[in-house]
Amino acid sequence: MDPWRDEFVAGLELFGRVSAEMQRRGFTRPVLVGGAAVEIYTGGIIATGDFDIVVGRNDVLEDVFVTLGFERPRGAGVATRGWVYRELRMGFEIVDSVLLDGAADRSRVRMFSSRAADDFEIISVEDLIADRMGQYASGSAPDMLGQAQTLFDLYSDADMDYLERRIREETLNEHGIATLRSRRQGDDARSVRA
């Protein structure tokens, strides 16, 4: 049994179909990034409402979306740049054509396999943590530190040298693994006092 909610599993199945169709057409598979990747890596501890996608050929992916029955939301009050699937209340958005502006090591992208979905590519946990830390450091998304911490706690087997370098790159050398470790120690100290 998958650890995720039914709606998210349906989104994974759909993204797997999209990925398989891109490959069938002779193009590189899109890479899942953002909140949906966080939900996968955390086993549903952190839930998301959308699927952010990096793909080299937007035009081909958009054609795949149309072929599979996706639609662009329309009407008053609709501000999304993404796509939706009729029966699914999750958005699918192309966020870039290059993984983390080319800073991520593309060879670290992982293939995600599940009984529920066709295989698809997902950003590495190290690059995902670094991305969350970069958003946190920008000041625009303070909650991203909590996501980075949860991922860091769950993946103690991550490549720490690569992770340190990538966090430093994404935060303009403002943060590193020590930020994640010090937050954990602060949480432990607070829980002992409580």
C-alpha atoms as a PDB file:
ATOM      1  CA  MET A   1       0.000   0.000   0.000  1.00  0.00           C
ATOM      2  CA  ASP A   2       1.326   3.455  -0.928  1.00  0.00           C
ATOM      3  CA  PRO A   3       1.836   5.936   1.933  1.00  0.00           C
ATOM      4  CA  TRP A   4       0.198   8.800   0.036  1.00  0.00           C
ATOM      5  CA  ARG A   5      -3.383  10.019  -0.138  1.00  0.00           C
ATOM      6  CA  ASP A   6      -5.520   8.741  -3.015  1.00  0.00           C
ATOM      7  CA  GLU A   7      -5.628  12.066  -4.860  1.00  0.00           C
ATOM      8  CA  PHE A   8      -1.834  12.296  -4.828  1.00  0.00           C
ATOM      9  CA  VAL A   9      -1.464   8.697  -6.052  1.00  0.00           C
ATOM     10  CA  ALA A  10      -3.800   9.579  -8.937  1.00  0.00           C
ATOM     11  CA  GLY A  11      -1.519  12.535  -9.718  1.00  0.00           C
ATOM     12  CA  LEU A  12       1.529  10.252  -9.681  1.00  0.00           C
ATOM     13  CA  GLU A  13      -0.204   7.855 -12.059  1.00  0.00           C
ATOM     14  CA  LEU A  14      -1.002  10.720 -14.385  1.00  0.00           C
ATOM     15  CA  PHE A  15       2.524  12.112 -14.249  1.00  0.00           C
ATOM     16  CA  GLY A  16       3.858   8.625 -14.974  1.00  0.00           C
ATOM     17  CA  ARG A  17       1.667   8.509 -18.101  1.00  0.00           C
ATOM     18  CA  VAL A  18       2.928  11.948 -19.149  1.00  0.00           C
ATOM     19  CA  SER A  19       6.531  10.835 -18.625  1.00  0.00           C
ATOM     20  CA  ALA A  20       6.050   7.605 -20.569  1.00  0.00           C
ATOM     21  CA  GLU A  21       4.444   9.504 -23.460  1.00  0.00           C
ATOM     22  CA  MET A  22       7.332  11.982 -23.608  1.00  0.00           C
ATOM     23  CA  GLN A  23       9.794   9.090 -23.783  1.00  0.00           C
ATOM     24  CA  ARG A  24       7.662   7.279 -26.381  1.00  0.00           C
ATOM     25  CA  ARG A  25       7.857  10.404 -28.552  1.00  0.00           C
ATOM     26  CA  GLY A  26      11.648  10.339 -28.303  1.00  0.00           C
ATOM     27  CA  PHE A  27      12.166  13.161 -25.819  1.00  0.00           C
ATOM     28  CA  THR A  28      13.774  13.361 -22.395  1.00  0.00           C
ATOM     29  CA  ARG A  29      11.436  12.596 -19.530  1.00  0.00           C
ATOM     30  CA  PRO A  30      10.308  15.615 -17.497  1.00  0.00           C
ATOM     31  CA  VAL A  31      11.682  15.891 -13.950  1.00  0.00           C
ATOM     32  CA  LEU A  32       9.382  16.259 -10.971  1.00  0.00           C
ATOM     33  CA  VAL A  33      10.506  19.000  -8.559  1.00  0.00           C
ATOM     34  CA  GLY A  34       8.932  21.163  -5.860  1.00  0.00           C
ATOM     35  CA  GLY A  35       6.160  20.212  -3.479  1.00  0.00           C
ATOM     36  CA  ALA A  36       5.193  16.936  -5.147  1.00  0.00           C
ATOM     37  CA  ALA A  37       8.813  15.760  -4.864  1.00  0.00           C
ATOM     38  CA  VAL A  38       8.747  16.741  -1.173  1.00  0.00           C
ATOM     39  CA  GLU A  39       5.557  14.721  -0.688  1.00  0.00           C
ATOM     40  CA  ILE A  40       7.155  11.676  -2.324  1.00  0.00           C
ATOM     41  CA  TYR A  41      10.377  11.880  -0.319  1.00  0.00           C
ATOM     42  CA  THR A  42       8.536  12.446   2.976  1.00  0.00           C
ATOM     43  CA  GLY A  43       6.077   9.605   2.368  1.00  0.00           C
ATOM     44  CA  GLY A  44       3.170  12.034   2.624  1.00  0.00           C
ATOM     45  CA  ILE A  45       4.275  13.735   5.855  1.00  0.00           C
ATOM     46  CA  ILE A  46       4.261  17.000   3.908  1.00  0.00           C
ATOM     47  CA  ALA A  47       1.369  17.259   1.421  1.00  0.00           C
ATOM     48  CA  THR A  48       1.221  19.376  -1.728  1.00  0.00           C
ATOM     49  CA  GLY A  49      -1.380  20.722  -4.073  1.00  0.00           C
ATOM     50  CA  ASP A  50       0.501  20.718  -7.353  1.00  0.00           C
ATOM     51  CA  PHE A  51       3.095  19.062  -9.554  1.00  0.00           C
ATOM     52  CA  ASP A  52       5.995  21.288 -10.641  1.00  0.00           C
ATOM     53  CA  ILE A  53       7.830  20.044 -13.700  1.00  0.00           C
ATOM     54  CA  VAL A  54      11.151  20.819 -15.390  1.00  0.00           C
ATOM     55  CA  VAL A  55      11.271  19.855 -19.047  1.00  0.00           C
ATOM     56  CA  GLY A  56      13.505  20.800 -21.956  1.00  0.00           C
ATOM     57  CA  ARG A  57      10.690  20.891 -24.513  1.00  0.00           C
ATOM     58  CA  ASN A  58       7.676  22.815 -23.227  1.00  0.00           C
ATOM     59  CA  ASP A  59       5.958  22.589 -26.602  1.00  0.00           C
ATOM     60  CA  VAL A  60       6.081  18.793 -26.656  1.00  0.00           C
ATOM     61  CA  LEU A  61       4.966  18.473 -23.033  1.00  0.00           C
ATOM     62  CA  GLU A  62       2.046  20.837 -23.633  1.00  0.00           C
ATOM     63  CA  ASP A  63       1.011  18.723 -26.620  1.00  0.00           C
ATOM     64  CA  VAL A  64       1.172  15.617 -24.392  1.00  0.00           C
ATOM     65  CA  PHE A  65      -1.000  17.410 -21.832  1.00  0.00           C
ATOM     66  CA  VAL A  66      -3.636  18.177 -24.466  1.00  0.00           C
ATOM     67  CA  THR A  67      -3.503  14.621 -25.843  1.00  0.00           C
ATOM     68  CA  LEU A  68      -4.044  13.145 -22.355  1.00  0.00           C
ATOM     69  CA  GLY A  69      -6.968  15.452 -21.560  1.00  0.00           C
ATOM     70  CA  PHE A  70      -5.397  18.245 -19.536  1.00  0.00           C
ATOM     71  CA  GLU A  71      -6.911  21.712 -19.743  1.00  0.00           C
ATOM     72  CA  ARG A  72      -5.768  25.226 -18.940  1.00  0.00           C
ATOM     73  CA  PRO A  73      -8.027  26.792 -16.302  1.00  0.00           C
ATOM     74  CA  ARG A  74     -10.043  29.736 -17.613  1.00  0.00           C
ATOM     75  CA  GLY A  75     -12.336  32.364 -16.268  1.00  0.00           C
ATOM     76  CA  ALA A  76     -12.478  35.148 -13.723  1.00  0.00           C
ATOM     77  CA  GLY A  77     -10.082  34.824 -10.820  1.00  0.00           C
ATOM     78  CA  VAL A  78      -7.896  32.177 -12.474  1.00  0.00           C
ATOM     79  CA  ALA A  79      -4.237  33.098 -12.134  1.00  0.00           C
ATOM     80  CA  THR A  80      -2.513  29.763 -12.725  1.00  0.00           C
ATOM     81  CA  ARG A  81       0.051  29.261 -15.461  1.00  0.00           C
ATOM     82  CA  GLY A  82      -0.370  25.537 -15.248  1.00  0.00           C
ATOM     83  CA  TRP A  83      -2.606  22.759 -16.448  1.00  0.00           C
ATOM     84  CA  VAL A  84      -5.278  20.682 -14.713  1.00  0.00           C
ATOM     85  CA  TYR A  85      -6.729  17.279 -15.392  1.00  0.00           C
ATOM     86  CA  ARG A  86     -10.535  17.046 -15.462  1.00  0.00           C
ATOM     87  CA  GLU A  87     -11.026  14.608 -12.586  1.00  0.00           C
ATOM     88  CA  LEU A  88      -8.049  15.692 -10.509  1.00  0.00           C
ATOM     89  CA  ARG A  89      -7.897  18.834  -8.410  1.00  0.00           C
ATOM     90  CA  MET A  90      -4.119  19.225  -8.695  1.00  0.00           C
ATOM     91  CA  GLY A  91      -2.269  21.589 -10.967  1.00  0.00           C
ATOM     92  CA  PHE A  92       0.628  20.602 -13.214  1.00  0.00           C
ATOM     93  CA  GLU A  93       2.988  23.459 -14.011  1.00  0.00           C
ATOM     94  CA  ILE A  94       6.112  23.701 -16.130  1.00  0.00           C
ATOM     95  CA  VAL A  95       8.426  25.766 -13.936  1.00  0.00           C
ATOM     96  CA  ASP A  96      11.649  25.678 -15.933  1.00  0.00           C
ATOM     97  CA  SER A  97      13.472  24.095 -18.846  1.00  0.00           C
ATOM     98  CA  VAL A  98      16.726  23.506 -16.911  1.00  0.00           C
ATOM     99  CA  LEU A  99      16.944  21.833 -13.518  1.00  0.00           C
ATOM    100  CA  LEU A 100      17.625  24.493 -10.842  1.00  0.00           C
ATOM    101  CA  ASP A 101      19.013  26.900 -13.448  1.00  0.00           C
ATOM    102  CA  GLY A 102      21.712  24.368 -14.335  1.00  0.00           C
ATOM    103  CA  ALA A 103      23.190  24.246 -10.816  1.00  0.00           C
ATOM    104  CA  ALA A 104      21.941  20.722 -10.080  1.00  0.00           C
ATOM    105  CA  ASP A 105      23.962  17.717 -11.183  1.00  0.00           C
ATOM    106  CA  ARG A 106      21.623  16.129 -13.760  1.00  0.00           C
ATOM    107  CA  SER A 107      23.235  12.721 -13.209  1.00  0.00           C
ATOM    108  CA  ARG A 108      21.781  12.712  -9.673  1.00  0.00           C
ATOM    109  CA  VAL A 109      18.183  12.768 -10.889  1.00  0.00           C
ATOM    110  CA  ARG A 110      16.511   9.565  -9.697  1.00  0.00           C
ATOM    111  CA  MET A 111      14.055   7.282 -11.417  1.00  0.00           C
ATOM    112  CA  PHE A 112      10.948   6.866  -9.292  1.00  0.00           C
ATOM    113  CA  SER A 113       9.210   3.501  -9.514  1.00  0.00           C
ATOM    114  CA  SER A 114       5.893   2.613  -7.945  1.00  0.00           C
ATOM    115  CA  ARG A 115       3.262  -0.053  -8.350  1.00  0.00           C
ATOM    116  CA  ALA A 116       0.770   2.741  -8.960  1.00  0.00           C
ATOM    117  CA  ALA A 117       2.545   4.645 -11.741  1.00  0.00           C
ATOM    118  CA  ASP A 118       4.815   4.363 -14.747  1.00  0.00           C
ATOM    119  CA  ASP A 119       8.408   5.238 -13.899  1.00  0.00           C
ATOM    120  CA  PHE A 120       9.326   8.908 -13.923  1.00  0.00           C
ATOM    121  CA  GLU A 121      12.267  11.122 -12.985  1.00  0.00           C
ATOM    122  CA  ILE A 122      12.476  13.072  -9.735  1.00  0.00           C
ATOM    123  CA  ILE A 123      14.978  15.625  -8.459  1.00  0.00           C
ATOM    124  CA  SER A 124      17.603  14.262  -6.038  1.00  0.00           C
ATOM    125  CA  VAL A 125      16.857  14.702  -2.342  1.00  0.00           C
ATOM    126  CA  GLU A 126      20.069  16.728  -1.951  1.00  0.00           C
ATOM    127  CA  ASP A 127      19.060  19.213  -4.658  1.00  0.00           C
ATOM    128  CA  LEU A 128      15.538  19.352  -3.256  1.00  0.00           C
ATOM    129  CA  ILE A 129      16.860  20.227   0.219  1.00  0.00           C
ATOM    130  CA  ALA A 130      19.164  22.851  -1.296  1.00  0.00           C
ATOM    131  CA  ASP A 131      16.253  24.325  -3.268  1.00  0.00           C
ATOM    132  CA  ARG A 132      14.124  24.564  -0.105  1.00  0.00           C
ATOM    133  CA  MET A 133      17.039  26.233   1.701  1.00  0.00           C
ATOM    134  CA  GLY A 134      17.476  28.711  -1.141  1.00  0.00           C
ATOM    135  CA  GLN A 135      13.818  29.679  -0.960  1.00  0.00           C
ATOM    136  CA  TYR A 136      14.108  30.014   2.824  1.00  0.00           C
ATOM    137  CA  ALA A 137      17.233  32.190   2.558  1.00  0.00           C
ATOM    138  CA  SER A 138      15.510  34.491   0.058  1.00  0.00           C
ATOM    139  CA  GLY A 139      13.106  35.528   2.804  1.00  0.00           C
ATOM    140  CA  SER A 140      10.089  34.805   0.624  1.00  0.00           C
ATOM    141  CA  ALA A 141       9.282  31.351   2.034  1.00  0.00           C
ATOM    142  CA  PRO A 142      10.185  30.917   5.727  1.00  0.00           C
ATOM    143  CA  ASP A 143       8.303  27.583   5.918  1.00  0.00           C
ATOM    144  CA  MET A 144      10.801  26.025   3.516  1.00  0.00           C
ATOM    145  CA  LEU A 145      13.288  25.630   6.356  1.00  0.00           C
ATOM    146  CA  GLY A 146      10.899  23.157   7.987  1.00  0.00           C
ATOM    147  CA  GLN A 147      10.593  21.198   4.741  1.00  0.00           C
ATOM    148  CA  ALA A 148      14.375  21.116   4.346  1.00  0.00           C
ATOM    149  CA  GLN A 149      14.756  19.964   7.949  1.00  0.00           C
ATOM    150  CA  THR A 150      12.216  17.162   7.537  1.00  0.00           C
ATOM    151  CA  LEU A 151      13.940  15.929   4.375  1.00  0.00           C
ATOM    152  CA  PHE A 152      17.362  16.179   6.052  1.00  0.00           C
ATOM    153  CA  ASP A 153      16.123  14.174   9.043  1.00  0.00           C
ATOM    154  CA  LEU A 154      14.630  11.465   6.816  1.00  0.00           C
ATOM    155  CA  TYR A 155      17.691  11.095   4.556  1.00  0.00           C
ATOM    156  CA  SER A 156      20.710  10.736   6.819  1.00  0.00           C
ATOM    157  CA  ASP A 157      22.337   8.734   3.995  1.00  0.00           C
ATOM    158  CA  ALA A 158      22.372  11.769   1.672  1.00  0.00           C
ATOM    159  CA  ASP A 159      25.672  12.791   0.076  1.00  0.00           C
ATOM    160  CA  MET A 160      26.674  15.367   2.710  1.00  0.00           C
ATOM    161  CA  ASP A 161      29.573  16.863   0.718  1.00  0.00           C
ATOM    162  CA  TYR A 162      27.331  17.492  -2.297  1.00  0.00           C
ATOM    163  CA  LEU A 163      24.506  18.714  -0.043  1.00  0.00           C
ATOM    164  CA  GLU A 164      26.763  21.218   1.726  1.00  0.00           C
ATOM    165  CA  ARG A 165      28.009  22.593  -1.590  1.00  0.00           C
ATOM    166  CA  ARG A 166      24.513  22.866  -3.049  1.00  0.00           C
ATOM    167  CA  ILE A 167      23.035  24.568   0.036  1.00  0.00           C
ATOM    168  CA  ARG A 168      25.907  27.065  -0.032  1.00  0.00           C
ATOM    169  CA  GLU A 169      25.265  27.741  -3.742  1.00  0.00           C
ATOM    170  CA  GLU A 170      21.504  28.157  -3.311  1.00  0.00           C
ATOM    171  CA  THR A 171      21.819  30.416  -0.245  1.00  0.00           C
ATOM    172  CA  LEU A 172      24.747  32.519  -1.521  1.00  0.00           C
ATOM    173  CA  ASN A 173      26.941  30.980   1.183  1.00  0.00           C
ATOM    174  CA  GLU A 174      24.581  32.133   3.961  1.00  0.00           C
ATOM    175  CA  HIS A 175      23.656  28.614   5.111  1.00  0.00           C
ATOM    176  CA  GLY A 176      24.981  25.066   5.067  1.00  0.00           C
ATOM    177  CA  ILE A 177      24.258  21.745   6.736  1.00  0.00           C
ATOM    178  CA  ALA A 178      25.065  23.379  10.082  1.00  0.00           C
ATOM    179  CA  THR A 179      21.809  25.365   9.796  1.00  0.00           C
ATOM    180  CA  LEU A 180      19.846  22.132   9.521  1.00  0.00           C
ATOM    181  CA  ARG A 181      21.767  20.500  12.367  1.00  0.00           C
ATOM    182  CA  SER A 182      21.489  23.523  14.678  1.00  0.00           C
ATOM    183  CA  ARG A 183      17.751  23.728  14.142  1.00  0.00           C
ATOM    184  CA  ARG A 184      17.454  20.048  15.045  1.00  0.00           C
ATOM    185  CA  GLN A 185      19.489  20.563  18.214  1.00  0.00           C
ATOM    186  CA  GLY A 186      17.337  23.593  19.115  1.00  0.00           C
ATOM    187  CA  ASP A 187      14.172  21.508  18.642  1.00  0.00           C
ATOM    188  CA  ASP A 188      15.638  18.729  20.814  1.00  0.00           C
ATOM    189  CA  ALA A 189      16.510  21.224  23.556  1.00  0.00           C
ATOM    190  CA  ARG A 190      12.994  22.700  23.505  1.00  0.00           C
ATOM    191  CA  SER A 191      11.374  19.262  23.694  1.00  0.00           C
ATOM    192  CA  VAL A 192      13.511  18.354  26.728  1.00  0.00           C
ATOM    193  CA  ARG A 193      12.462  21.557  28.515  1.00  0.00           C
ATOM    194  CA  ALA A 194       8.752  21.100  27.728  1.00  0.00           C
END
